[in-house]
Amino acid sequence: MLYWALVFLVVAIIAGALGFGGIAGTAAGIAKIIFFIFLIFLVLSLIAGLLRRAR
């Protein structure tokens, strides 16, 4: 999932450099959403690992 966030970020940077504002904004928004979903999954995974280790 982090891979897709980075892909959309690169697309946003390239589109922004070429002057495609709408596409850049959309790609950046998608990259942010996917990145935050990835962070939530990371935190949940870390918590689950700590709880499993505590047993």
PDB file of N, CA and C in Angstrom:
ATOM      1  N   MET A   1       0.834  -1.191   0.000  1.00  0.00           N
ATOM      2  CA  MET A   1       0.000   0.000   0.000  1.00  0.00           C
ATOM      3  C   MET A   1       0.877   1.251   0.000  1.00  0.00           C
ATOM      4  N   LEU A   2       1.973   1.183   0.698  1.00  0.00           N
ATOM      5  CA  LEU A   2       2.886   2.322   0.689  1.00  0.00           C
ATOM      6  C   LEU A   2       3.431   2.558  -0.721  1.00  0.00           C
ATOM      7  N   TYR A   3       3.592   1.466  -1.475  1.00  0.00           N
ATOM      8  CA  TYR A   3       4.048   1.580  -2.860  1.00  0.00           C
ATOM      9  C   TYR A   3       3.098   2.449  -3.673  1.00  0.00           C
ATOM     10  N   TRP A   4       1.787   2.224  -3.526  1.00  0.00           N
ATOM     11  CA  TRP A   4       0.807   2.988  -4.297  1.00  0.00           C
ATOM     12  C   TRP A   4       0.789   4.445  -3.863  1.00  0.00           C
ATOM     13  N   ALA A   5       0.980   4.703  -2.587  1.00  0.00           N
ATOM     14  CA  ALA A   5       1.042   6.085  -2.118  1.00  0.00           C
ATOM     15  C   ALA A   5       2.233   6.802  -2.752  1.00  0.00           C
ATOM     16  N   LEU A   6       3.354   6.121  -2.840  1.00  0.00           N
ATOM     17  CA  LEU A   6       4.537   6.719  -3.453  1.00  0.00           C
ATOM     18  C   LEU A   6       4.341   6.913  -4.958  1.00  0.00           C
ATOM     19  N   VAL A   7       3.647   5.970  -5.613  1.00  0.00           N
ATOM     20  CA  VAL A   7       3.374   6.102  -7.045  1.00  0.00           C
ATOM     21  C   VAL A   7       2.525   7.341  -7.308  1.00  0.00           C
ATOM     22  N   PHE A   8       1.458   7.512  -6.534  1.00  0.00           N
ATOM     23  CA  PHE A   8       0.595   8.677  -6.717  1.00  0.00           C
ATOM     24  C   PHE A   8       1.331   9.969  -6.377  1.00  0.00           C
ATOM     25  N   LEU A   9       2.230   9.922  -5.402  1.00  0.00           N
ATOM     26  CA  LEU A   9       3.024  11.098  -5.064  1.00  0.00           C
ATOM     27  C   LEU A   9       3.932  11.494  -6.225  1.00  0.00           C
ATOM     28  N   VAL A  10       4.575  10.509  -6.849  1.00  0.00           N
ATOM     29  CA  VAL A  10       5.434  10.795  -8.004  1.00  0.00           C
ATOM     30  C   VAL A  10       4.607  11.347  -9.161  1.00  0.00           C
ATOM     31  N   VAL A  11       3.432  10.754  -9.400  1.00  0.00           N
ATOM     32  CA  VAL A  11       2.548  11.256 -10.454  1.00  0.00           C
ATOM     33  C   VAL A  11       2.164  12.708 -10.167  1.00  0.00           C
ATOM     34  N   ALA A  12       1.869  13.010  -8.909  1.00  0.00           N
ATOM     35  CA  ALA A  12       1.492  14.374  -8.535  1.00  0.00           C
ATOM     36  C   ALA A  12       2.645  15.347  -8.761  1.00  0.00           C
ATOM     37  N   ILE A  13       3.854  14.939  -8.419  1.00  0.00           N
ATOM     38  CA  ILE A  13       5.010  15.814  -8.601  1.00  0.00           C
ATOM     39  C   ILE A  13       5.271  16.068 -10.083  1.00  0.00           C
ATOM     40  N   ILE A  14       5.203  15.015 -10.885  1.00  0.00           N
ATOM     41  CA  ILE A  14       5.429  15.175 -12.328  1.00  0.00           C
ATOM     42  C   ILE A  14       4.335  16.032 -12.948  1.00  0.00           C
ATOM     43  N   ALA A  15       3.065  15.768 -12.590  1.00  0.00           N
ATOM     44  CA  ALA A  15       1.962  16.549 -13.144  1.00  0.00           C
ATOM     45  C   ALA A  15       2.055  18.013 -12.709  1.00  0.00           C
ATOM     46  N   GLY A  16       2.462  18.246 -11.483  1.00  0.00           N
ATOM     47  CA  GLY A  16       2.621  19.616 -11.005  1.00  0.00           C
ATOM     48  C   GLY A  16       3.735  20.348 -11.735  1.00  0.00           C
ATOM     49  N   ALA A  17       4.827  19.633 -12.017  1.00  0.00           N
ATOM     50  CA  ALA A  17       5.945  20.249 -12.730  1.00  0.00           C
ATOM     51  C   ALA A  17       5.573  20.585 -14.174  1.00  0.00           C
ATOM     52  N   LEU A  18       4.687  19.784 -14.759  1.00  0.00           N
ATOM     53  CA  LEU A  18       4.283  20.023 -16.138  1.00  0.00           C
ATOM     54  C   LEU A  18       3.099  20.980 -16.252  1.00  0.00           C
ATOM     55  N   GLY A  19       2.557  21.390 -15.125  1.00  0.00           N
ATOM     56  CA  GLY A  19       1.481  22.377 -15.145  1.00  0.00           C
ATOM     57  C   GLY A  19       0.080  21.819 -15.171  1.00  0.00           C
ATOM     58  N   PHE A  20      -0.082  20.536 -14.919  1.00  0.00           N
ATOM     59  CA  PHE A  20      -1.415  19.931 -14.872  1.00  0.00           C
ATOM     60  C   PHE A  20      -1.926  19.998 -13.429  1.00  0.00           C
ATOM     61  N   GLY A  21      -2.494  21.138 -13.051  1.00  0.00           N
ATOM     62  CA  GLY A  21      -2.886  21.375 -11.669  1.00  0.00           C
ATOM     63  C   GLY A  21      -3.956  20.450 -11.146  1.00  0.00           C
ATOM     64  N   GLY A  22      -4.986  20.200 -11.946  1.00  0.00           N
ATOM     65  CA  GLY A  22      -6.081  19.337 -11.489  1.00  0.00           C
ATOM     66  C   GLY A  22      -5.644  17.913 -11.263  1.00  0.00           C
ATOM     67  N   ILE A  23      -4.854  17.403 -12.191  1.00  0.00           N
ATOM     68  CA  ILE A  23      -4.364  16.030 -12.058  1.00  0.00           C
ATOM     69  C   ILE A  23      -3.405  15.922 -10.882  1.00  0.00           C
ATOM     70  N   ALA A  24      -2.569  16.918 -10.703  1.00  0.00           N
ATOM     71  CA  ALA A  24      -1.607  16.910  -9.600  1.00  0.00           C
ATOM     72  C   ALA A  24      -2.329  16.934  -8.257  1.00  0.00           C
ATOM     73  N   GLY A  25      -3.372  17.769  -8.158  1.00  0.00           N
ATOM     74  CA  GLY A  25      -4.123  17.845  -6.905  1.00  0.00           C
ATOM     75  C   GLY A  25      -4.837  16.545  -6.583  1.00  0.00           C
ATOM     76  N   THR A  26      -5.424  15.936  -7.600  1.00  0.00           N
ATOM     77  CA  THR A  26      -6.117  14.669  -7.394  1.00  0.00           C
ATOM     78  C   THR A  26      -5.144  13.570  -6.991  1.00  0.00           C
ATOM     79  N   ALA A  27      -4.017  13.462  -7.688  1.00  0.00           N
ATOM     80  CA  ALA A  27      -3.023  12.434  -7.372  1.00  0.00           C
ATOM     81  C   ALA A  27      -2.441  12.650  -5.979  1.00  0.00           C
ATOM     82  N   ALA A  28      -2.202  13.892  -5.607  1.00  0.00           N
ATOM     83  CA  ALA A  28      -1.678  14.176  -4.269  1.00  0.00           C
ATOM     84  C   ALA A  28      -2.702  13.817  -3.204  1.00  0.00           C
ATOM     85  N   GLY A  29      -3.972  14.099  -3.462  1.00  0.00           N
ATOM     86  CA  GLY A  29      -5.024  13.734  -2.509  1.00  0.00           C
ATOM     87  C   GLY A  29      -5.128  12.233  -2.323  1.00  0.00           C
ATOM     88  N   ILE A  30      -5.062  11.487  -3.431  1.00  0.00           N
ATOM     89  CA  ILE A  30      -5.108  10.026  -3.342  1.00  0.00           C
ATOM     90  C   ILE A  30      -3.890   9.505  -2.593  1.00  0.00           C
ATOM     91  N   ALA A  31      -2.721  10.080  -2.866  1.00  0.00           N
ATOM     92  CA  ALA A  31      -1.502   9.647  -2.176  1.00  0.00           C
ATOM     93  C   ALA A  31      -1.617   9.876  -0.674  1.00  0.00           C
ATOM     94  N   LYS A  32      -2.188  11.007  -0.268  1.00  0.00           N
ATOM     95  CA  LYS A  32      -2.368  11.285   1.169  1.00  0.00           C
ATOM     96  C   LYS A  32      -3.295  10.271   1.809  1.00  0.00           C
ATOM     97  N   ILE A  33      -4.419   9.995   1.159  1.00  0.00           N
ATOM     98  CA  ILE A  33      -5.388   9.047   1.714  1.00  0.00           C
ATOM     99  C   ILE A  33      -4.764   7.670   1.869  1.00  0.00           C
ATOM    100  N   ILE A  34      -4.094   7.190   0.824  1.00  0.00           N
ATOM    101  CA  ILE A  34      -3.481   5.856   0.886  1.00  0.00           C
ATOM    102  C   ILE A  34      -2.379   5.824   1.932  1.00  0.00           C
ATOM    103  N   PHE A  35      -1.608   6.900   2.062  1.00  0.00           N
ATOM    104  CA  PHE A  35      -0.539   6.947   3.054  1.00  0.00           C
ATOM    105  C   PHE A  35      -1.099   6.861   4.472  1.00  0.00           C
ATOM    106  N   PHE A  36      -2.185   7.589   4.738  1.00  0.00           N
ATOM    107  CA  PHE A  36      -2.761   7.545   6.085  1.00  0.00           C
ATOM    108  C   PHE A  36      -3.404   6.194   6.384  1.00  0.00           C
ATOM    109  N   ILE A  37      -3.995   5.563   5.376  1.00  0.00           N
ATOM    110  CA  ILE A  37      -4.520   4.206   5.572  1.00  0.00           C
ATOM    111  C   ILE A  37      -3.376   3.257   5.894  1.00  0.00           C
ATOM    112  N   PHE A  38      -2.248   3.409   5.185  1.00  0.00           N
ATOM    113  CA  PHE A  38      -1.070   2.597   5.465  1.00  0.00           C
ATOM    114  C   PHE A  38      -0.595   2.810   6.900  1.00  0.00           C
ATOM    115  N   LEU A  39      -0.566   4.058   7.355  1.00  0.00           N
ATOM    116  CA  LEU A  39      -0.129   4.329   8.726  1.00  0.00           C
ATOM    117  C   LEU A  39      -1.051   3.690   9.751  1.00  0.00           C
ATOM    118  N   ILE A  40      -2.360   3.732   9.492  1.00  0.00           N
ATOM    119  CA  ILE A  40      -3.311   3.097  10.409  1.00  0.00           C
ATOM    120  C   ILE A  40      -3.055   1.598  10.480  1.00  0.00           C
ATOM    121  N   PHE A  41      -2.855   0.962   9.308  1.00  0.00           N
ATOM    122  CA  PHE A  41      -2.560  -0.472   9.299  1.00  0.00           C
ATOM    123  C   PHE A  41      -1.253  -0.777  10.007  1.00  0.00           C
ATOM    124  N   LEU A  42      -0.260   0.087   9.872  1.00  0.00           N
ATOM    125  CA  LEU A  42       1.015  -0.108  10.551  1.00  0.00           C
ATOM    126  C   LEU A  42       0.842  -0.069  12.066  1.00  0.00           C
ATOM    127  N   VAL A  43       0.109   0.914  12.555  1.00  0.00           N
ATOM    128  CA  VAL A  43      -0.111   1.032  14.002  1.00  0.00           C
ATOM    129  C   VAL A  43      -0.893  -0.172  14.526  1.00  0.00           C
ATOM    130  N   LEU A  44      -1.937  -0.577  13.796  1.00  0.00           N
ATOM    131  CA  LEU A  44      -2.714  -1.746  14.219  1.00  0.00           C
ATOM    132  C   LEU A  44      -1.858  -3.006  14.239  1.00  0.00           C
ATOM    133  N   SER A  45      -0.979  -3.144  13.264  1.00  0.00           N
ATOM    134  CA  SER A  45      -0.093  -4.303  13.217  1.00  0.00           C
ATOM    135  C   SER A  45       0.887  -4.295  14.383  1.00  0.00           C
ATOM    136  N   LEU A  46       1.422  -3.127  14.700  1.00  0.00           N
ATOM    137  CA  LEU A  46       2.347  -3.033  15.838  1.00  0.00           C
ATOM    138  C   LEU A  46       1.649  -3.351  17.150  1.00  0.00           C
ATOM    139  N   ILE A  47       0.445  -2.854  17.321  1.00  0.00           N
ATOM    140  CA  ILE A  47      -0.319  -3.135  18.547  1.00  0.00           C
ATOM    141  C   ILE A  47      -0.630  -4.621  18.647  1.00  0.00           C
ATOM    142  N   ALA A  48      -1.050  -5.235  17.539  1.00  0.00           N
ATOM    143  CA  ALA A  48      -1.354  -6.662  17.544  1.00  0.00           C
ATOM    144  C   ALA A  48      -0.102  -7.476  17.861  1.00  0.00           C
ATOM    145  N   GLY A  49       1.041  -7.054  17.316  1.00  0.00           N
ATOM    146  CA  GLY A  49       2.288  -7.758  17.614  1.00  0.00           C
ATOM    147  C   GLY A  49       2.688  -7.638  19.070  1.00  0.00           C
ATOM    148  N   LEU A  50       2.486  -6.476  19.664  1.00  0.00           N
ATOM    149  CA  LEU A  50       2.820  -6.312  21.081  1.00  0.00           C
ATOM    150  C   LEU A  50       1.877  -7.118  21.969  1.00  0.00           C
ATOM    151  N   LEU A  51       0.608  -7.153  21.624  1.00  0.00           N
ATOM    152  CA  LEU A  51      -0.347  -7.940  22.412  1.00  0.00           C
ATOM    153  C   LEU A  51      -0.060  -9.431  22.285  1.00  0.00           C
ATOM    154  N   ARG A  52       0.308  -9.871  21.105  1.00  0.00           N
ATOM    155  CA  ARG A  52       0.618 -11.290  20.897  1.00  0.00           C
ATOM    156  C   ARG A  52       1.897 -11.659  21.637  1.00  0.00           C
ATOM    157  N   ARG A  53       2.844 -10.732  21.686  1.00  0.00           N
ATOM    158  CA  ARG A  53       4.122 -10.980  22.364  1.00  0.00           C
ATOM    159  C   ARG A  53       3.943 -10.998  23.878  1.00  0.00           C
ATOM    160  N   ALA A  54       2.981 -10.249  24.395  1.00  0.00           N
ATOM    161  CA  ALA A  54       2.769 -10.140  25.835  1.00  0.00           C
ATOM    162  C   ALA A  54       2.202 -11.422  26.438  1.00  0.00           C
ATOM    163  N   ARG A  55       1.586 -12.239  25.614  1.00  0.00           N
ATOM    164  CA  ARG A  55       0.997 -13.477  26.144  1.00  0.00           C
ATOM    165  C   ARG A  55       1.995 -14.447  26.556  1.00  0.00           C
TER     166      ARG A  55
END
